Amino acid sequence: MQALRPKENFMLLTAVLSPAEEGGYIAMNPETGTTSQGETVNEAIANLKEATSLCLEEFPAAFTAHPLITTFDLAHA
């Protein structure tokens, strides 16, 4: 008889990555506000997944839509 696995909830979330001044990347999840970093894109995303998972364990949330991510031009002095 096969053991039953706990039901897992899968979520499709957003990751916004920016180069860090000291090298590597800063990763942010706008749905939860969690932020992490890593030396590579893959490491930054893996760290963000862990941080977001821990956040959602403590503060469960239900998301109905993804944020709209876009860019814009800005002229400044």
PDB file of N, CA and C in Angstrom:
ATOM      1  N   MET A   1       0.844  -1.175   0.000  1.00  0.00           N
ATOM      2  CA  MET A   1       0.000   0.000   0.000  1.00  0.00           C
ATOM      3  C   MET A   1       0.899   1.251   0.000  1.00  0.00           C
ATOM      4  N   GLN A   2       0.615   2.155  -0.894  1.00  0.00           N
ATOM      5  CA  GLN A   2       1.415   3.362  -1.023  1.00  0.00           C
ATOM      6  C   GLN A   2       0.967   4.414  -0.009  1.00  0.00           C
ATOM      7  N   ALA A   3       1.943   5.069   0.636  1.00  0.00           N
ATOM      8  CA  ALA A   3       1.619   6.111   1.618  1.00  0.00           C
ATOM      9  C   ALA A   3       1.040   7.329   0.908  1.00  0.00           C
ATOM     10  N   LEU A   4       0.080   7.955   1.543  1.00  0.00           N
ATOM     11  CA  LEU A   4      -0.527   9.159   0.982  1.00  0.00           C
ATOM     12  C   LEU A   4       0.382  10.352   1.219  1.00  0.00           C
ATOM     13  N   ARG A   5       0.566  11.140   0.198  1.00  0.00           N
ATOM     14  CA  ARG A   5       1.359  12.361   0.322  1.00  0.00           C
ATOM     15  C   ARG A   5       0.439  13.500   0.722  1.00  0.00           C
ATOM     16  N   PRO A   6       0.938  14.414   1.541  1.00  0.00           N
ATOM     17  CA  PRO A   6       0.103  15.569   1.884  1.00  0.00           C
ATOM     18  C   PRO A   6      -0.195  16.387   0.628  1.00  0.00           C
ATOM     19  N   LYS A   7      -1.383  16.931   0.587  1.00  0.00           N
ATOM     20  CA  LYS A   7      -1.775  17.754  -0.551  1.00  0.00           C
ATOM     21  C   LYS A   7      -0.977  19.054  -0.531  1.00  0.00           C
ATOM     22  N   GLU A   8      -0.340  19.357  -1.648  1.00  0.00           N
ATOM     23  CA  GLU A   8       0.447  20.574  -1.754  1.00  0.00           C
ATOM     24  C   GLU A   8      -0.289  21.571  -2.631  1.00  0.00           C
ATOM     25  N   ASN A   9      -0.211  22.823  -2.248  1.00  0.00           N
ATOM     26  CA  ASN A   9      -0.783  23.885  -3.062  1.00  0.00           C
ATOM     27  C   ASN A   9       0.333  24.499  -3.893  1.00  0.00           C
ATOM     28  N   PHE A  10       0.135  24.544  -5.186  1.00  0.00           N
ATOM     29  CA  PHE A  10       1.114  25.149  -6.070  1.00  0.00           C
ATOM     30  C   PHE A  10       0.618  26.518  -6.487  1.00  0.00           C
ATOM     31  N   MET A  11       1.507  27.480  -6.464  1.00  0.00           N
ATOM     32  CA  MET A  11       1.166  28.851  -6.831  1.00  0.00           C
ATOM     33  C   MET A  11       2.144  29.315  -7.901  1.00  0.00           C
ATOM     34  N   LEU A  12       1.657  30.057  -8.846  1.00  0.00           N
ATOM     35  CA  LEU A  12       2.513  30.696  -9.834  1.00  0.00           C
ATOM     36  C   LEU A  12       2.688  32.141  -9.379  1.00  0.00           C
ATOM     37  N   LEU A  13       3.906  32.491  -8.961  1.00  0.00           N
ATOM     38  CA  LEU A  13       4.188  33.820  -8.421  1.00  0.00           C
ATOM     39  C   LEU A  13       5.196  34.537  -9.303  1.00  0.00           C
ATOM     40  N   THR A  14       5.381  35.813  -9.041  1.00  0.00           N
ATOM     41  CA  THR A  14       6.244  36.676  -9.842  1.00  0.00           C
ATOM     42  C   THR A  14       7.580  36.880  -9.148  1.00  0.00           C
ATOM     43  N   ALA A  15       8.666  36.876  -9.918  1.00  0.00           N
ATOM     44  CA  ALA A  15       9.995  37.217  -9.409  1.00  0.00           C
ATOM     45  C   ALA A  15      10.536  38.373 -10.241  1.00  0.00           C
ATOM     46  N   VAL A  16      10.939  39.447  -9.562  1.00  0.00           N
ATOM     47  CA  VAL A  16      11.555  40.598 -10.225  1.00  0.00           C
ATOM     48  C   VAL A  16      13.011  40.617  -9.772  1.00  0.00           C
ATOM     49  N   LEU A  17      13.936  40.518 -10.717  1.00  0.00           N
ATOM     50  CA  LEU A  17      15.356  40.479 -10.389  1.00  0.00           C
ATOM     51  C   LEU A  17      16.056  41.735 -10.878  1.00  0.00           C
ATOM     52  N   SER A  18      16.962  42.235 -10.050  1.00  0.00           N
ATOM     53  CA  SER A  18      17.773  43.401 -10.381  1.00  0.00           C
ATOM     54  C   SER A  18      19.220  43.093 -10.031  1.00  0.00           C
ATOM     55  N   PRO A  19      20.154  43.589 -10.832  1.00  0.00           N
ATOM     56  CA  PRO A  19      21.562  43.403 -10.473  1.00  0.00           C
ATOM     57  C   PRO A  19      21.858  44.132  -9.160  1.00  0.00           C
ATOM     58  N   ALA A  20      22.616  43.495  -8.274  1.00  0.00           N
ATOM     59  CA  ALA A  20      23.018  44.108  -7.011  1.00  0.00           C
ATOM     60  C   ALA A  20      24.320  44.887  -7.229  1.00  0.00           C
ATOM     61  N   GLU A  21      24.470  46.003  -6.533  1.00  0.00           N
ATOM     62  CA  GLU A  21      25.670  46.825  -6.681  1.00  0.00           C
ATOM     63  C   GLU A  21      26.942  46.041  -6.378  1.00  0.00           C
ATOM     64  N   GLU A  22      26.884  45.164  -5.373  1.00  0.00           N
ATOM     65  CA  GLU A  22      28.063  44.401  -4.960  1.00  0.00           C
ATOM     66  C   GLU A  22      28.261  43.129  -5.787  1.00  0.00           C
ATOM     67  N   GLY A  23      27.417  42.914  -6.773  1.00  0.00           N
ATOM     68  CA  GLY A  23      27.460  41.710  -7.598  1.00  0.00           C
ATOM     69  C   GLY A  23      26.298  40.804  -7.263  1.00  0.00           C
ATOM     70  N   GLY A  24      25.986  39.909  -8.139  1.00  0.00           N
ATOM     71  CA  GLY A  24      24.851  39.016  -7.947  1.00  0.00           C
ATOM     72  C   GLY A  24      23.545  39.714  -8.254  1.00  0.00           C
ATOM     73  N   TYR A  25      22.462  39.195  -7.686  1.00  0.00           N
ATOM     74  CA  TYR A  25      21.127  39.688  -7.996  1.00  0.00           C
ATOM     75  C   TYR A  25      20.283  39.823  -6.736  1.00  0.00           C
ATOM     76  N   ILE A  26      19.392  40.792  -6.754  1.00  0.00           N
ATOM     77  CA  ILE A  26      18.363  40.953  -5.735  1.00  0.00           C
ATOM     78  C   ILE A  26      17.065  40.473  -6.375  1.00  0.00           C
ATOM     79  N   ALA A  27      16.340  39.613  -5.682  1.00  0.00           N
ATOM     80  CA  ALA A  27      15.082  39.070  -6.187  1.00  0.00           C
ATOM     81  C   ALA A  27      13.950  39.476  -5.266  1.00  0.00           C
ATOM     82  N   MET A  28      12.835  39.924  -5.851  1.00  0.00           N
ATOM     83  CA  MET A  28      11.690  40.374  -5.062  1.00  0.00           C
ATOM     84  C   MET A  28      10.413  39.746  -5.606  1.00  0.00           C
ATOM     85  N   ASN A  29       9.542  39.328  -4.693  1.00  0.00           N
ATOM     86  CA  ASN A  29       8.238  38.801  -5.054  1.00  0.00           C
ATOM     87  C   ASN A  29       7.191  39.847  -4.693  1.00  0.00           C
ATOM     88  N   PRO A  30       6.579  40.511  -5.686  1.00  0.00           N
ATOM     89  CA  PRO A  30       5.628  41.582  -5.383  1.00  0.00           C
ATOM     90  C   PRO A  30       4.331  41.114  -4.720  1.00  0.00           C
ATOM     91  N   GLU A  31       3.942  39.862  -4.911  1.00  0.00           N
ATOM     92  CA  GLU A  31       2.708  39.388  -4.290  1.00  0.00           C
ATOM     93  C   GLU A  31       2.821  39.337  -2.763  1.00  0.00           C
ATOM     94  N   THR A  32       4.004  38.979  -2.257  1.00  0.00           N
ATOM     95  CA  THR A  32       4.181  38.844  -0.816  1.00  0.00           C
ATOM     96  C   THR A  32       5.096  39.909  -0.218  1.00  0.00           C
ATOM     97  N   GLY A  33       5.874  40.569  -1.074  1.00  0.00           N
ATOM     98  CA  GLY A  33       6.834  41.549  -0.590  1.00  0.00           C
ATOM     99  C   GLY A  33       8.146  40.928  -0.125  1.00  0.00           C
ATOM    100  N   THR A  34       8.315  39.610  -0.294  1.00  0.00           N
ATOM    101  CA  THR A  34       9.556  38.979   0.119  1.00  0.00           C
ATOM    102  C   THR A  34      10.691  39.341  -0.829  1.00  0.00           C
ATOM    103  N   THR A  35      11.869  39.452  -0.253  1.00  0.00           N
ATOM    104  CA  THR A  35      13.066  39.809  -1.012  1.00  0.00           C
ATOM    105  C   THR A  35      14.201  38.892  -0.591  1.00  0.00           C
ATOM    106  N   SER A  36      15.047  38.539  -1.551  1.00  0.00           N
ATOM    107  CA  SER A  36      16.216  37.719  -1.268  1.00  0.00           C
ATOM    108  C   SER A  36      17.306  38.097  -2.254  1.00  0.00           C
ATOM    109  N   GLN A  37      18.408  37.376  -2.214  1.00  0.00           N
ATOM    110  CA  GLN A  37      19.505  37.663  -3.135  1.00  0.00           C
ATOM    111  C   GLN A  37      20.255  36.384  -3.453  1.00  0.00           C
ATOM    112  N   GLY A  38      21.113  36.451  -4.465  1.00  0.00           N
ATOM    113  CA  GLY A  38      21.944  35.311  -4.833  1.00  0.00           C
ATOM    114  C   GLY A  38      23.026  35.750  -5.783  1.00  0.00           C
ATOM    115  N   GLU A  39      24.064  34.947  -5.893  1.00  0.00           N
ATOM    116  CA  GLU A  39      25.182  35.265  -6.786  1.00  0.00           C
ATOM    117  C   GLU A  39      24.798  35.091  -8.253  1.00  0.00           C
ATOM    118  N   THR A  40      23.864  34.175  -8.533  1.00  0.00           N
ATOM    119  CA  THR A  40      23.394  33.931  -9.896  1.00  0.00           C
ATOM    120  C   THR A  40      21.879  34.098  -9.931  1.00  0.00           C
ATOM    121  N   VAL A  41      21.325  34.179 -11.130  1.00  0.00           N
ATOM    122  CA  VAL A  41      19.863  34.271 -11.273  1.00  0.00           C
ATOM    123  C   VAL A  41      19.205  33.054 -10.629  1.00  0.00           C
ATOM    124  N   ASN A  42      19.728  31.856 -10.914  1.00  0.00           N
ATOM    125  CA  ASN A  42      19.135  30.635 -10.353  1.00  0.00           C
ATOM    126  C   ASN A  42      19.199  30.619  -8.833  1.00  0.00           C
ATOM    127  N   GLU A  43      20.333  31.046  -8.263  1.00  0.00           N
ATOM    128  CA  GLU A  43      20.467  31.076  -6.812  1.00  0.00           C
ATOM    129  C   GLU A  43      19.526  32.113  -6.201  1.00  0.00           C
ATOM    130  N   ALA A  44      19.400  33.271  -6.833  1.00  0.00           N
ATOM    131  CA  ALA A  44      18.500  34.312  -6.330  1.00  0.00           C
ATOM    132  C   ALA A  44      17.053  33.823  -6.335  1.00  0.00           C
ATOM    133  N   ILE A  45      16.653  33.133  -7.390  1.00  0.00           N
ATOM    134  CA  ILE A  45      15.281  32.613  -7.460  1.00  0.00           C
ATOM    135  C   ILE A  45      15.075  31.501  -6.433  1.00  0.00           C
ATOM    136  N   ALA A  46      16.047  30.621  -6.280  1.00  0.00           N
ATOM    137  CA  ALA A  46      15.930  29.554  -5.274  1.00  0.00           C
ATOM    138  C   ALA A  46      15.797  30.150  -3.877  1.00  0.00           C
ATOM    139  N   ASN A  47      16.596  31.165  -3.571  1.00  0.00           N
ATOM    140  CA  ASN A  47      16.520  31.816  -2.263  1.00  0.00           C
ATOM    141  C   ASN A  47      15.187  32.538  -2.085  1.00  0.00           C
ATOM    142  N   LEU A  48      14.679  33.137  -3.167  1.00  0.00           N
ATOM    143  CA  LEU A  48      13.385  33.814  -3.110  1.00  0.00           C
ATOM    144  C   LEU A  48      12.260  32.809  -2.875  1.00  0.00           C
ATOM    145  N   LYS A  49      12.332  31.661  -3.524  1.00  0.00           N
ATOM    146  CA  LYS A  49      11.323  30.608  -3.300  1.00  0.00           C
ATOM    147  C   LYS A  49      11.294  30.201  -1.827  1.00  0.00           C
ATOM    148  N   GLU A  50      12.479  30.004  -1.248  1.00  0.00           N
ATOM    149  CA  GLU A  50      12.548  29.612   0.158  1.00  0.00           C
ATOM    150  C   GLU A  50      11.979  30.702   1.066  1.00  0.00           C
ATOM    151  N   ALA A  51      12.365  31.951   0.820  1.00  0.00           N
ATOM    152  CA  ALA A  51      11.873  33.063   1.643  1.00  0.00           C
ATOM    153  C   ALA A  51      10.361  33.218   1.504  1.00  0.00           C
ATOM    154  N   THR A  52       9.850  33.092   0.294  1.00  0.00           N
ATOM    155  CA  THR A  52       8.414  33.236   0.054  1.00  0.00           C
ATOM    156  C   THR A  52       7.645  32.091   0.695  1.00  0.00           C
ATOM    157  N   SER A  53       8.176  30.879   0.610  1.00  0.00           N
ATOM    158  CA  SER A  53       7.526  29.726   1.243  1.00  0.00           C
ATOM    159  C   SER A  53       7.432  29.921   2.751  1.00  0.00           C
ATOM    160  N   LEU A  54       8.527  30.370   3.368  1.00  0.00           N
ATOM    161  CA  LEU A  54       8.516  30.624   4.813  1.00  0.00           C
ATOM    162  C   LEU A  54       7.527  31.725   5.179  1.00  0.00           C
ATOM    163  N   CYS A  55       7.461  32.759   4.362  1.00  0.00           N
ATOM    164  CA  CYS A  55       6.514  33.856   4.594  1.00  0.00           C
ATOM    165  C   CYS A  55       5.079  33.345   4.537  1.00  0.00           C
ATOM    166  N   LEU A  56       4.772  32.528   3.530  1.00  0.00           N
ATOM    167  CA  LEU A  56       3.403  32.028   3.364  1.00  0.00           C
ATOM    168  C   LEU A  56       3.019  31.017   4.443  1.00  0.00           C
ATOM    169  N   GLU A  57       4.008  30.304   5.009  1.00  0.00           N
ATOM    170  CA  GLU A  57       3.715  29.412   6.138  1.00  0.00           C
ATOM    171  C   GLU A  57       3.245  30.227   7.338  1.00  0.00           C
ATOM    172  N   GLU A  58       3.868  31.368   7.546  1.00  0.00           N
ATOM    173  CA  GLU A  58       3.543  32.224   8.695  1.00  0.00           C
ATOM    174  C   GLU A  58       2.321  33.103   8.426  1.00  0.00           C
ATOM    175  N   PHE A  59       2.208  33.592   7.198  1.00  0.00           N
ATOM    176  CA  PHE A  59       1.135  34.512   6.824  1.00  0.00           C
ATOM    177  C   PHE A  59       0.454  34.004   5.550  1.00  0.00           C
ATOM    178  N   PRO A  60      -0.437  33.009   5.661  1.00  0.00           N
ATOM    179  CA  PRO A  60      -1.105  32.465   4.473  1.00  0.00           C
ATOM    180  C   PRO A  60      -1.862  33.559   3.719  1.00  0.00           C
ATOM    181  N   ALA A  61      -1.812  33.466   2.413  1.00  0.00           N
ATOM    182  CA  ALA A  61      -2.489  34.466   1.583  1.00  0.00           C
ATOM    183  C   ALA A  61      -3.102  33.789   0.372  1.00  0.00           C
ATOM    184  N   ALA A  62      -4.173  34.369  -0.115  1.00  0.00           N
ATOM    185  CA  ALA A  62      -4.811  33.902  -1.345  1.00  0.00           C
ATOM    186  C   ALA A  62      -4.663  35.003  -2.390  1.00  0.00           C
ATOM    187  N   PHE A  63      -4.184  34.626  -3.550  1.00  0.00           N
ATOM    188  CA  PHE A  63      -3.977  35.609  -4.620  1.00  0.00           C
ATOM    189  C   PHE A  63      -4.989  35.372  -5.727  1.00  0.00           C
ATOM    190  N   THR A  64      -5.575  36.443  -6.203  1.00  0.00           N
ATOM    191  CA  THR A  64      -6.558  36.319  -7.277  1.00  0.00           C
ATOM    192  C   THR A  64      -6.004  36.754  -8.622  1.00  0.00           C
ATOM    193  N   ALA A  65      -4.921  37.541  -8.611  1.00  0.00           N
ATOM    194  CA  ALA A  65      -4.353  38.003  -9.875  1.00  0.00           C
ATOM    195  C   ALA A  65      -2.874  38.310  -9.681  1.00  0.00           C
ATOM    196  N   HIS A  66      -2.152  38.269 -10.782  1.00  0.00           N
ATOM    197  CA  HIS A  66      -0.737  38.622 -10.764  1.00  0.00           C
ATOM    198  C   HIS A  66      -0.592  40.126 -10.942  1.00  0.00           C
ATOM    199  N   PRO A  67       0.462  40.700 -10.388  1.00  0.00           N
ATOM    200  CA  PRO A  67       0.679  42.128 -10.609  1.00  0.00           C
ATOM    201  C   PRO A  67       1.034  42.392 -12.073  1.00  0.00           C
ATOM    202  N   LEU A  68       0.763  43.569 -12.527  1.00  0.00           N
ATOM    203  CA  LEU A  68       1.152  43.979 -13.867  1.00  0.00           C
ATOM    204  C   LEU A  68       2.544  44.579 -13.770  1.00  0.00           C
ATOM    205  N   ILE A  69       3.507  43.967 -14.425  1.00  0.00           N
ATOM    206  CA  ILE A  69       4.888  44.441 -14.418  1.00  0.00           C
ATOM    207  C   ILE A  69       5.159  45.092 -15.768  1.00  0.00           C
ATOM    208  N   THR A  70       5.662  46.315 -15.745  1.00  0.00           N
ATOM    209  CA  THR A  70       5.967  47.031 -16.984  1.00  0.00           C
ATOM    210  C   THR A  70       7.187  47.919 -16.753  1.00  0.00           C
ATOM    211  N   THR A  71       7.609  48.604 -17.769  1.00  0.00           N
ATOM    212  CA  THR A  71       8.706  49.573 -17.665  1.00  0.00           C
ATOM    213  C   THR A  71       8.186  50.932 -18.127  1.00  0.00           C
ATOM    214  N   PHE A  72       8.913  51.973 -17.754  1.00  0.00           N
ATOM    215  CA  PHE A  72       8.554  53.317 -18.227  1.00  0.00           C
ATOM    216  C   PHE A  72       9.804  54.149 -18.375  1.00  0.00           C
ATOM    217  N   ASP A  73       9.732  55.180 -19.245  1.00  0.00           N
ATOM    218  CA  ASP A  73      10.839  56.109 -19.465  1.00  0.00           C
ATOM    219  C   ASP A  73      10.710  57.267 -18.524  1.00  0.00           C
ATOM    220  N   LEU A  74      11.844  57.785 -18.069  1.00  0.00           N
ATOM    221  CA  LEU A  74      11.844  58.943 -17.187  1.00  0.00           C
ATOM    222  C   LEU A  74      13.075  59.783 -17.493  1.00  0.00           C
ATOM    223  N   ALA A  75      12.870  61.037 -17.826  1.00  0.00           N
ATOM    224  CA  ALA A  75      13.976  61.964 -18.034  1.00  0.00           C
ATOM    225  C   ALA A  75      14.203  62.719 -16.737  1.00  0.00           C
ATOM    226  N   HIS A  76      15.454  62.758 -16.285  1.00  0.00           N
ATOM    227  CA  HIS A  76      15.754  63.485 -15.061  1.00  0.00           C
ATOM    228  C   HIS A  76      17.113  64.157 -15.194  1.00  0.00           C
ATOM    229  N   ALA A  77      17.324  65.182 -14.385  1.00  0.00           N
ATOM    230  CA  ALA A  77      18.575  65.938 -14.460  1.00  0.00           C
ATOM    231  C   ALA A  77      19.660  65.286 -13.656  1.00  0.00           C
TER     232      ALA A  77
END
